[in-house]
Amino acid sequence: GLYDEVITYDEIDRTDGRVHSGLVDMAGSGPVRSAIHTHFAD
């Protein structure tokens, strides 16, 4: 009940990539980080 929303790693590309967002990466996974950067880009 602490997060406003919960998604799984395979649902990253289903979020709205137009929203100005930030990443705090606790996982350190290259593929996950790449997926988030690619989806949100600028």
ModelCIF file with pLDDT and N, C-alpha, C, O atoms, coordinates in Angstrom:
data_MODEL
#
_entry.id   MODEL 
#
_entity.id                         1 
_entity.type                       polymer 
_entity.pdbx_number_of_molecules   1 
#
_entity_poly.entity_id                      1 
_entity_poly.type                           'polypeptide(L)' 
_entity_poly.nstd_linkage                   no 
_entity_poly.nstd_monomer                   no 
_entity_poly.pdbx_seq_one_letter_code       GLYDEVITYDEIDRTDGRVHSGLVDMAGSGPVRSAIHTHFAD 
_entity_poly.pdbx_seq_one_letter_code_can   GLYDEVITYDEIDRTDGRVHSGLVDMAGSGPVRSAIHTHFAD 
_entity_poly.pdbx_strand_id                 A 
#
loop_
_entity_poly_seq.entity_id 
_entity_poly_seq.num 
_entity_poly_seq.mon_id 
_entity_poly_seq.hetero 
1 1  GLY n 
1 2  LEU n 
1 3  TYR n 
1 4  ASP n 
1 5  GLU n 
1 6  VAL n 
1 7  ILE n 
1 8  THR n 
1 9  TYR n 
1 10 ASP n 
1 11 GLU n 
1 12 ILE n 
1 13 ASP n 
1 14 ARG n 
1 15 THR n 
1 16 ASP n 
1 17 GLY n 
1 18 ARG n 
1 19 VAL n 
1 20 HIS n 
1 21 SER n 
1 22 GLY n 
1 23 LEU n 
1 24 VAL n 
1 25 ASP n 
1 26 MET n 
1 27 ALA n 
1 28 GLY n 
1 29 SER n 
1 30 GLY n 
1 31 PRO n 
1 32 VAL n 
1 33 ARG n 
1 34 SER n 
1 35 ALA n 
1 36 ILE n 
1 37 HIS n 
1 38 THR n 
1 39 HIS n 
1 40 PHE n 
1 41 ALA n 
1 42 ASP n 
#
_struct_asym.id          A 
_struct_asym.entity_id   1 
#
loop_
_ma_qa_metric.id 
_ma_qa_metric.mode 
_ma_qa_metric.name 
_ma_qa_metric.software_group_id 
_ma_qa_metric.type 
1 global pLDDT . pLDDT 
2 local  pLDDT . pLDDT 
#
_ma_qa_metric_global.metric_id      1 
_ma_qa_metric_global.metric_value   94.52 
_ma_qa_metric_global.model_id       1 
_ma_qa_metric_global.ordinal_id     1 
#
loop_
_ma_qa_metric_local.label_asym_id 
_ma_qa_metric_local.label_comp_id 
_ma_qa_metric_local.label_seq_id 
_ma_qa_metric_local.metric_id 
_ma_qa_metric_local.metric_value 
_ma_qa_metric_local.model_id 
_ma_qa_metric_local.ordinal_id 
A GLY 1  2 94.00 1 1  
A LEU 2  2 95.00 1 2  
A TYR 3  2 97.00 1 3  
A ASP 4  2 97.00 1 4  
A GLU 5  2 97.00 1 5  
A VAL 6  2 98.00 1 6  
A ILE 7  2 97.00 1 7  
A THR 8  2 97.00 1 8  
A TYR 9  2 96.00 1 9  
A ASP 10 2 95.00 1 10 
A GLU 11 2 97.00 1 11 
A ILE 12 2 97.00 1 12 
A ASP 13 2 94.00 1 13 
A ARG 14 2 94.00 1 14 
A THR 15 2 96.00 1 15 
A ASP 16 2 96.00 1 16 
A GLY 17 2 96.00 1 17 
A ARG 18 2 97.00 1 18 
A VAL 19 2 97.00 1 19 
A HIS 20 2 97.00 1 20 
A SER 21 2 97.00 1 21 
A GLY 22 2 97.00 1 22 
A LEU 23 2 97.00 1 23 
A VAL 24 2 96.00 1 24 
A ASP 25 2 93.00 1 25 
A MET 26 2 90.00 1 26 
A ALA 27 2 84.00 1 27 
A GLY 28 2 82.00 1 28 
A SER 29 2 86.00 1 29 
A GLY 30 2 87.00 1 30 
A PRO 31 2 90.00 1 31 
A VAL 32 2 93.00 1 32 
A ARG 33 2 93.00 1 33 
A SER 34 2 93.00 1 34 
A ALA 35 2 95.00 1 35 
A ILE 36 2 96.00 1 36 
A HIS 37 2 96.00 1 37 
A THR 38 2 95.00 1 38 
A HIS 39 2 97.00 1 39 
A PHE 40 2 97.00 1 40 
A ALA 41 2 96.00 1 41 
A ASP 42 2 96.00 1 42 
#
loop_
_atom_site.group_PDB 
_atom_site.id 
_atom_site.type_symbol 
_atom_site.label_atom_id 
_atom_site.label_alt_id 
_atom_site.label_comp_id 
_atom_site.label_asym_id 
_atom_site.label_entity_id 
_atom_site.label_seq_id 
_atom_site.pdbx_PDB_ins_code 
_atom_site.Cartn_x 
_atom_site.Cartn_y 
_atom_site.Cartn_z 
_atom_site.occupancy 
_atom_site.B_iso_or_equiv 
_atom_site.pdbx_formal_charge 
_atom_site.auth_seq_id 
_atom_site.auth_comp_id 
_atom_site.auth_asym_id 
_atom_site.auth_atom_id 
_atom_site.pdbx_PDB_model_num 
ATOM 1   N N  . GLY A 1 1  ? 0.796  -1.218 0.000   1.00 94.00 ? 1  GLY A N  1 
ATOM 2   C CA . GLY A 1 1  ? 0.000  0.000  0.000   1.00 94.00 ? 1  GLY A CA 1 
ATOM 3   C C  . GLY A 1 1  ? 0.829  1.269  0.000   1.00 94.00 ? 1  GLY A C  1 
ATOM 4   O O  . GLY A 1 1  ? 0.334  2.330  0.381   1.00 94.00 ? 1  GLY A O  1 
ATOM 5   N N  . LEU A 1 2  ? 2.098  1.180  -0.426  1.00 95.00 ? 2  LEU A N  1 
ATOM 6   C CA . LEU A 1 2  ? 2.985  2.340  -0.404  1.00 95.00 ? 2  LEU A CA 1 
ATOM 7   C C  . LEU A 1 2  ? 3.177  2.957  -1.782  1.00 95.00 ? 2  LEU A C  1 
ATOM 8   O O  . LEU A 1 2  ? 3.333  4.172  -1.900  1.00 95.00 ? 2  LEU A O  1 
ATOM 9   N N  . TYR A 1 3  ? 3.166  2.136  -2.820  1.00 97.00 ? 3  TYR A N  1 
ATOM 10  C CA . TYR A 1 3  ? 3.310  2.649  -4.178  1.00 97.00 ? 3  TYR A CA 1 
ATOM 11  C C  . TYR A 1 3  ? 1.937  3.058  -4.716  1.00 97.00 ? 3  TYR A C  1 
ATOM 12  O O  . TYR A 1 3  ? 0.922  2.445  -4.386  1.00 97.00 ? 3  TYR A O  1 
ATOM 13  N N  . ASP A 1 4  ? 1.921  4.088  -5.537  1.00 97.00 ? 4  ASP A N  1 
ATOM 14  C CA . ASP A 1 4  ? 0.670  4.488  -6.183  1.00 97.00 ? 4  ASP A CA 1 
ATOM 15  C C  . ASP A 1 4  ? 0.267  3.504  -7.266  1.00 97.00 ? 4  ASP A C  1 
ATOM 16  O O  . ASP A 1 4  ? -0.914 3.374  -7.590  1.00 97.00 ? 4  ASP A O  1 
ATOM 17  N N  . GLU A 1 5  ? 1.246  2.815  -7.821  1.00 97.00 ? 5  GLU A N  1 
ATOM 18  C CA . GLU A 1 5  ? 1.002  1.871  -8.914  1.00 97.00 ? 5  GLU A CA 1 
ATOM 19  C C  . GLU A 1 5  ? 2.090  0.803  -8.873  1.00 97.00 ? 5  GLU A C  1 
ATOM 20  O O  . GLU A 1 5  ? 3.230  1.094  -8.510  1.00 97.00 ? 5  GLU A O  1 
ATOM 21  N N  . VAL A 1 6  ? 1.752  -0.413 -9.237  1.00 98.00 ? 6  VAL A N  1 
ATOM 22  C CA . VAL A 1 6  ? 2.715  -1.509 -9.278  1.00 98.00 ? 6  VAL A CA 1 
ATOM 23  C C  . VAL A 1 6  ? 2.637  -2.169 -10.645 1.00 98.00 ? 6  VAL A C  1 
ATOM 24  O O  . VAL A 1 6  ? 1.550  -2.510 -11.112 1.00 98.00 ? 6  VAL A O  1 
ATOM 25  N N  . ILE A 1 7  ? 3.786  -2.352 -11.289 1.00 97.00 ? 7  ILE A N  1 
ATOM 26  C CA . ILE A 1 7  ? 3.857  -3.055 -12.573 1.00 97.00 ? 7  ILE A CA 1 
ATOM 27  C C  . ILE A 1 7  ? 4.967  -4.084 -12.506 1.00 97.00 ? 7  ILE A C  1 
ATOM 28  O O  . ILE A 1 7  ? 5.836  -4.025 -11.636 1.00 97.00 ? 7  ILE A O  1 
ATOM 29  N N  . THR A 1 8  ? 4.930  -5.032 -13.436 1.00 97.00 ? 8  THR A N  1 
ATOM 30  C CA . THR A 1 8  ? 6.009  -6.005 -13.554 1.00 97.00 ? 8  THR A CA 1 
ATOM 31  C C  . THR A 1 8  ? 6.986  -5.550 -14.642 1.00 97.00 ? 8  THR A C  1 
ATOM 32  O O  . THR A 1 8  ? 6.692  -4.643 -15.421 1.00 97.00 ? 8  THR A O  1 
ATOM 33  N N  . TYR A 1 9  ? 8.135  -6.188 -14.676 1.00 96.00 ? 9  TYR A N  1 
ATOM 34  C CA . TYR A 1 9  ? 9.173  -5.765 -15.613 1.00 96.00 ? 9  TYR A CA 1 
ATOM 35  C C  . TYR A 1 9  ? 8.716  -5.857 -17.064 1.00 96.00 ? 9  TYR A C  1 
ATOM 36  O O  . TYR A 1 9  ? 9.148  -5.066 -17.903 1.00 96.00 ? 9  TYR A O  1 
ATOM 37  N N  . ASP A 1 10 ? 7.850  -6.810 -17.361 1.00 95.00 ? 10 ASP A N  1 
ATOM 38  C CA . ASP A 1 10 ? 7.396  -6.947 -18.743 1.00 95.00 ? 10 ASP A CA 1 
ATOM 39  C C  . ASP A 1 10 ? 6.250  -5.995 -19.086 1.00 95.00 ? 10 ASP A C  1 
ATOM 40  O O  . ASP A 1 10 ? 5.713  -6.042 -20.193 1.00 95.00 ? 10 ASP A O  1 
ATOM 41  N N  . GLU A 1 11 ? 5.875  -5.133 -18.139 1.00 97.00 ? 11 GLU A N  1 
ATOM 42  C CA . GLU A 1 11 ? 4.815  -4.160 -18.390 1.00 97.00 ? 11 GLU A CA 1 
ATOM 43  C C  . GLU A 1 11 ? 5.337  -2.733 -18.541 1.00 97.00 ? 11 GLU A C  1 
ATOM 44  O O  . GLU A 1 11 ? 4.552  -1.791 -18.645 1.00 97.00 ? 11 GLU A O  1 
ATOM 45  N N  . ILE A 1 12 ? 6.661  -2.572 -18.552 1.00 97.00 ? 12 ILE A N  1 
ATOM 46  C CA . ILE A 1 12 ? 7.236  -1.224 -18.637 1.00 97.00 ? 12 ILE A CA 1 
ATOM 47  C C  . ILE A 1 12 ? 6.738  -0.494 -19.879 1.00 97.00 ? 12 ILE A C  1 
ATOM 48  O O  . ILE A 1 12 ? 6.412  0.692  -19.818 1.00 97.00 ? 12 ILE A O  1 
ATOM 49  N N  . ASP A 1 13 ? 6.679  -1.207 -21.012 1.00 94.00 ? 13 ASP A N  1 
ATOM 50  C CA . ASP A 1 13 ? 6.292  -0.541 -22.258 1.00 94.00 ? 13 ASP A CA 1 
ATOM 51  C C  . ASP A 1 13 ? 4.790  -0.239 -22.332 1.00 94.00 ? 13 ASP A C  1 
ATOM 52  O O  . ASP A 1 13 ? 4.330  0.363  -23.302 1.00 94.00 ? 13 ASP A O  1 
ATOM 53  N N  . ARG A 1 14 ? 4.025  -0.655 -21.313 1.00 94.00 ? 14 ARG A N  1 
ATOM 54  C CA . ARG A 1 14 ? 2.597  -0.342 -21.294 1.00 94.00 ? 14 ARG A CA 1 
ATOM 55  C C  . ARG A 1 14 ? 2.299  0.956  -20.544 1.00 94.00 ? 14 ARG A C  1 
ATOM 56  O O  . ARG A 1 14 ? 1.166  1.436  -20.562 1.00 94.00 ? 14 ARG A O  1 
ATOM 57  N N  . THR A 1 15 ? 3.299  1.519  -19.892 1.00 96.00 ? 15 THR A N  1 
ATOM 58  C CA . THR A 1 15 ? 3.111  2.798  -19.210 1.00 96.00 ? 15 THR A CA 1 
ATOM 59  C C  . THR A 1 15 ? 3.142  3.920  -20.245 1.00 96.00 ? 15 THR A C  1 
ATOM 60  O O  . THR A 1 15 ? 3.598  3.728  -21.372 1.00 96.00 ? 15 THR A O  1 
ATOM 61  N N  . ASP A 1 16 ? 2.655  5.080  -19.851 1.00 96.00 ? 16 ASP A N  1 
ATOM 62  C CA . ASP A 1 16 ? 2.586  6.220  -20.766 1.00 96.00 ? 16 ASP A CA 1 
ATOM 63  C C  . ASP A 1 16 ? 3.960  6.869  -20.887 1.00 96.00 ? 16 ASP A C  1 
ATOM 64  O O  . ASP A 1 16 ? 4.399  7.569  -19.975 1.00 96.00 ? 16 ASP A O  1 
ATOM 65  N N  . GLY A 1 17 ? 4.629  6.641  -21.991 1.00 96.00 ? 17 GLY A N  1 
ATOM 66  C CA . GLY A 1 17 ? 5.978  7.163  -22.195 1.00 96.00 ? 17 GLY A CA 1 
ATOM 67  C C  . GLY A 1 17 ? 6.034  8.654  -22.397 1.00 96.00 ? 17 GLY A C  1 
ATOM 68  O O  . GLY A 1 17 ? 7.123  9.224  -22.464 1.00 96.00 ? 17 GLY A O  1 
ATOM 69  N N  . ARG A 1 18 ? 4.877  9.310  -22.496 1.00 97.00 ? 18 ARG A N  1 
ATOM 70  C CA . ARG A 1 18 ? 4.849  10.764 -22.680 1.00 97.00 ? 18 ARG A CA 1 
ATOM 71  C C  . ARG A 1 18 ? 4.956  11.517 -21.353 1.00 97.00 ? 18 ARG A C  1 
ATOM 72  O O  . ARG A 1 18 ? 5.200  12.723 -21.333 1.00 97.00 ? 18 ARG A O  1 
ATOM 73  N N  . VAL A 1 19 ? 4.771  10.799 -20.254 1.00 97.00 ? 19 VAL A N  1 
ATOM 74  C CA . VAL A 1 19 ? 4.810  11.431 -18.939 1.00 97.00 ? 19 VAL A CA 1 
ATOM 75  C C  . VAL A 1 19 ? 6.255  11.669 -18.517 1.00 97.00 ? 19 VAL A C  1 
ATOM 76  O O  . VAL A 1 19 ? 7.087  10.766 -18.612 1.00 97.00 ? 19 VAL A O  1 
ATOM 77  N N  . HIS A 1 20 ? 6.560  12.883 -18.049 1.00 97.00 ? 20 HIS A N  1 
ATOM 78  C CA . HIS A 1 20 ? 7.892  13.174 -17.527 1.00 97.00 ? 20 HIS A CA 1 
ATOM 79  C C  . HIS A 1 20 ? 8.129  12.313 -16.275 1.00 97.00 ? 20 HIS A C  1 
ATOM 80  O O  . HIS A 1 20 ? 7.401  12.420 -15.288 1.00 97.00 ? 20 HIS A O  1 
ATOM 81  N N  . SER A 1 21 ? 9.146  11.472 -16.336 1.00 97.00 ? 21 SER A N  1 
ATOM 82  C CA . SER A 1 21 ? 9.350  10.445 -15.314 1.00 97.00 ? 21 SER A CA 1 
ATOM 83  C C  . SER A 1 21 ? 10.808 10.403 -14.868 1.00 97.00 ? 21 SER A C  1 
ATOM 84  O O  . SER A 1 21 ? 11.689 10.994 -15.492 1.00 97.00 ? 21 SER A O  1 
ATOM 85  N N  . GLY A 1 22 ? 11.029 9.700  -13.788 1.00 97.00 ? 22 GLY A N  1 
ATOM 86  C CA . GLY A 1 22 ? 12.377 9.478  -13.293 1.00 97.00 ? 22 GLY A CA 1 
ATOM 87  C C  . GLY A 1 22 ? 12.537 8.028  -12.882 1.00 97.00 ? 22 GLY A C  1 
ATOM 88  O O  . GLY A 1 22 ? 11.554 7.325  -12.647 1.00 97.00 ? 22 GLY A O  1 
ATOM 89  N N  . LEU A 1 23 ? 13.787 7.585  -12.797 1.00 97.00 ? 23 LEU A N  1 
ATOM 90  C CA . LEU A 1 23 ? 14.099 6.203  -12.428 1.00 97.00 ? 23 LEU A CA 1 
ATOM 91  C C  . LEU A 1 23 ? 15.037 6.184  -11.231 1.00 97.00 ? 23 LEU A C  1 
ATOM 92  O O  . LEU A 1 23 ? 16.088 6.826  -11.244 1.00 97.00 ? 23 LEU A O  1 
ATOM 93  N N  . VAL A 1 24 ? 14.653 5.444  -10.198 1.00 96.00 ? 24 VAL A N  1 
ATOM 94  C CA . VAL A 1 24 ? 15.576 5.080  -9.118  1.00 96.00 ? 24 VAL A CA 1 
ATOM 95  C C  . VAL A 1 24 ? 15.775 3.589  -9.237  1.00 96.00 ? 24 VAL A C  1 
ATOM 96  O O  . VAL A 1 24 ? 14.867 2.803  -8.966  1.00 96.00 ? 24 VAL A O  1 
ATOM 97  N N  . ASP A 1 25 ? 16.969 3.207  -9.644  1.00 93.00 ? 25 ASP A N  1 
ATOM 98  C CA . ASP A 1 25 ? 17.251 1.825  -10.003 1.00 93.00 ? 25 ASP A CA 1 
ATOM 99  C C  . ASP A 1 25 ? 17.891 1.087  -8.836  1.00 93.00 ? 25 ASP A C  1 
ATOM 100 O O  . ASP A 1 25 ? 19.067 1.283  -8.530  1.00 93.00 ? 25 ASP A O  1 
ATOM 101 N N  . MET A 1 26 ? 17.109 0.246  -8.197  1.00 90.00 ? 26 MET A N  1 
ATOM 102 C CA . MET A 1 26 ? 17.610 -0.597 -7.107  1.00 90.00 ? 26 MET A CA 1 
ATOM 103 C C  . MET A 1 26 ? 18.054 -1.965 -7.624  1.00 90.00 ? 26 MET A C  1 
ATOM 104 O O  . MET A 1 26 ? 18.753 -2.696 -6.922  1.00 90.00 ? 26 MET A O  1 
ATOM 105 N N  . ALA A 1 27 ? 17.650 -2.313 -8.848  1.00 84.00 ? 27 ALA A N  1 
ATOM 106 C CA . ALA A 1 27 ? 17.925 -3.641 -9.382  1.00 84.00 ? 27 ALA A CA 1 
ATOM 107 C C  . ALA A 1 27 ? 19.314 -3.735 -9.990  1.00 84.00 ? 27 ALA A C  1 
ATOM 108 O O  . ALA A 1 27 ? 19.998 -4.744 -9.820  1.00 84.00 ? 27 ALA A O  1 
ATOM 109 N N  . GLY A 1 28 ? 19.735 -2.698 -10.694 1.00 82.00 ? 28 GLY A N  1 
ATOM 110 C CA . GLY A 1 28 ? 21.033 -2.738 -11.364 1.00 82.00 ? 28 GLY A CA 1 
ATOM 111 C C  . GLY A 1 28 ? 21.047 -3.590 -12.611 1.00 82.00 ? 28 GLY A C  1 
ATOM 112 O O  . GLY A 1 28 ? 22.118 -3.928 -13.117 1.00 82.00 ? 28 GLY A O  1 
ATOM 113 N N  . SER A 1 29 ? 19.892 -3.941 -13.113 1.00 86.00 ? 29 SER A N  1 
ATOM 114 C CA . SER A 1 29 ? 19.798 -4.790 -14.302 1.00 86.00 ? 29 SER A CA 1 
ATOM 115 C C  . SER A 1 29 ? 19.943 -3.948 -15.562 1.00 86.00 ? 29 SER A C  1 
ATOM 116 O O  . SER A 1 29 ? 19.175 -3.012 -15.784 1.00 86.00 ? 29 SER A O  1 
ATOM 117 N N  . GLY A 1 30 ? 20.940 -4.288 -16.394 1.00 87.00 ? 30 GLY A N  1 
ATOM 118 C CA . GLY A 1 30 ? 21.124 -3.581 -17.644 1.00 87.00 ? 30 GLY A CA 1 
ATOM 119 C C  . GLY A 1 30 ? 19.909 -3.644 -18.548 1.00 87.00 ? 30 GLY A C  1 
ATOM 120 O O  . GLY A 1 30 ? 19.484 -2.605 -19.051 1.00 87.00 ? 30 GLY A O  1 
ATOM 121 N N  . PRO A 1 31 ? 19.326 -4.824 -18.780 1.00 90.00 ? 31 PRO A N  1 
ATOM 122 C CA . PRO A 1 31 ? 18.141 -4.905 -19.642 1.00 90.00 ? 31 PRO A CA 1 
ATOM 123 C C  . PRO A 1 31 ? 16.952 -4.099 -19.127 1.00 90.00 ? 31 PRO A C  1 
ATOM 124 O O  . PRO A 1 31 ? 16.255 -3.464 -19.918 1.00 90.00 ? 31 PRO A O  1 
ATOM 125 N N  . VAL A 1 32 ? 16.708 -4.112 -17.811 1.00 93.00 ? 32 VAL A N  1 
ATOM 126 C CA . VAL A 1 32 ? 15.589 -3.344 -17.257 1.00 93.00 ? 32 VAL A CA 1 
ATOM 127 C C  . VAL A 1 32 ? 15.845 -1.850 -17.411 1.00 93.00 ? 32 VAL A C  1 
ATOM 128 O O  . VAL A 1 32 ? 14.961 -1.102 -17.829 1.00 93.00 ? 32 VAL A O  1 
ATOM 129 N N  . ARG A 1 33 ? 17.042 -1.424 -17.075 1.00 93.00 ? 33 ARG A N  1 
ATOM 130 C CA . ARG A 1 33 ? 17.374 0.001  -17.211 1.00 93.00 ? 33 ARG A CA 1 
ATOM 131 C C  . ARG A 1 33 ? 17.249 0.451  -18.668 1.00 93.00 ? 33 ARG A C  1 
ATOM 132 O O  . ARG A 1 33 ? 16.727 1.530  -18.949 1.00 93.00 ? 33 ARG A O  1 
ATOM 133 N N  . SER A 1 34 ? 17.726 -0.377 -19.582 1.00 93.00 ? 34 SER A N  1 
ATOM 134 C CA . SER A 1 34 ? 17.636 -0.053 -21.007 1.00 93.00 ? 34 SER A CA 1 
ATOM 135 C C  . SER A 1 34 ? 16.182 0.060  -21.449 1.00 93.00 ? 34 SER A C  1 
ATOM 136 O O  . SER A 1 34 ? 15.830 0.953  -22.219 1.00 93.00 ? 34 SER A O  1 
ATOM 137 N N  . ALA A 1 35 ? 15.332 -0.852 -20.957 1.00 95.00 ? 35 ALA A N  1 
ATOM 138 C CA . ALA A 1 35 ? 13.918 -0.821 -21.332 1.00 95.00 ? 35 ALA A CA 1 
ATOM 139 C C  . ALA A 1 35 ? 13.249 0.467  -20.876 1.00 95.00 ? 35 ALA A C  1 
ATOM 140 O O  . ALA A 1 35 ? 12.450 1.046  -21.612 1.00 95.00 ? 35 ALA A O  1 
ATOM 141 N N  . ILE A 1 36 ? 13.568 0.917  -19.674 1.00 96.00 ? 36 ILE A N  1 
ATOM 142 C CA . ILE A 1 36 ? 12.964 2.148  -19.152 1.00 96.00 ? 36 ILE A CA 1 
ATOM 143 C C  . ILE A 1 36 ? 13.484 3.366  -19.910 1.00 96.00 ? 36 ILE A C  1 
ATOM 144 O O  . ILE A 1 36 ? 12.708 4.243  -20.290 1.00 96.00 ? 36 ILE A O  1 
ATOM 145 N N  . HIS A 1 37 ? 14.795 3.418  -20.128 1.00 96.00 ? 37 HIS A N  1 
ATOM 146 C CA . HIS A 1 37 ? 15.366 4.547  -20.871 1.00 96.00 ? 37 HIS A CA 1 
ATOM 147 C C  . HIS A 1 37 ? 14.817 4.597  -22.296 1.00 96.00 ? 37 HIS A C  1 
ATOM 148 O O  . HIS A 1 37 ? 14.510 5.674  -22.807 1.00 96.00 ? 37 HIS A O  1 
ATOM 149 N N  . THR A 1 38 ? 14.695 3.453  -22.928 1.00 95.00 ? 38 THR A N  1 
ATOM 150 C CA . THR A 1 38 ? 14.213 3.415  -24.304 1.00 95.00 ? 38 THR A CA 1 
ATOM 151 C C  . THR A 1 38 ? 12.749 3.829  -24.389 1.00 95.00 ? 38 THR A C  1 
ATOM 152 O O  . THR A 1 38 ? 12.348 4.542  -25.309 1.00 95.00 ? 38 THR A O  1 
ATOM 153 N N  . HIS A 1 39 ? 11.956 3.376  -23.424 1.00 97.00 ? 39 HIS A N  1 
ATOM 154 C CA . HIS A 1 39 ? 10.520 3.675  -23.452 1.00 97.00 ? 39 HIS A CA 1 
ATOM 155 C C  . HIS A 1 39 ? 10.239 5.158  -23.218 1.00 97.00 ? 39 HIS A C  1 
ATOM 156 O O  . HIS A 1 39 ? 9.412  5.750  -23.912 1.00 97.00 ? 39 HIS A O  1 
ATOM 157 N N  . PHE A 1 40 ? 10.924 5.761  -22.243 1.00 97.00 ? 40 PHE A N  1 
ATOM 158 C CA . PHE A 1 40 ? 10.644 7.162  -21.913 1.00 97.00 ? 40 PHE A CA 1 
ATOM 159 C C  . PHE A 1 40 ? 11.536 8.139  -22.682 1.00 97.00 ? 40 PHE A C  1 
ATOM 160 O O  . PHE A 1 40 ? 11.146 9.283  -22.913 1.00 97.00 ? 40 PHE A O  1 
ATOM 161 N N  . ALA A 1 41 ? 12.725 7.694  -23.075 1.00 96.00 ? 41 ALA A N  1 
ATOM 162 C CA . ALA A 1 41 ? 13.661 8.512  -23.855 1.00 96.00 ? 41 ALA A CA 1 
ATOM 163 C C  . ALA A 1 41 ? 13.859 9.887  -23.201 1.00 96.00 ? 41 ALA A C  1 
ATOM 164 O O  . ALA A 1 41 ? 14.237 9.967  -22.032 1.00 96.00 ? 41 ALA A O  1 
ATOM 165 N N  . ASP A 1 42 ? 13.607 10.955 -23.945 1.00 96.00 ? 42 ASP A N  1 
ATOM 166 C CA . ASP A 1 42 ? 13.849 12.301 -23.419 1.00 96.00 ? 42 ASP A CA 1 
ATOM 167 C C  . ASP A 1 42 ? 12.857 12.701 -22.328 1.00 96.00 ? 42 ASP A C  1 
ATOM 168 O O  . ASP A 1 42 ? 12.940 13.807 -21.793 1.00 96.00 ? 42 ASP A O  1 
#
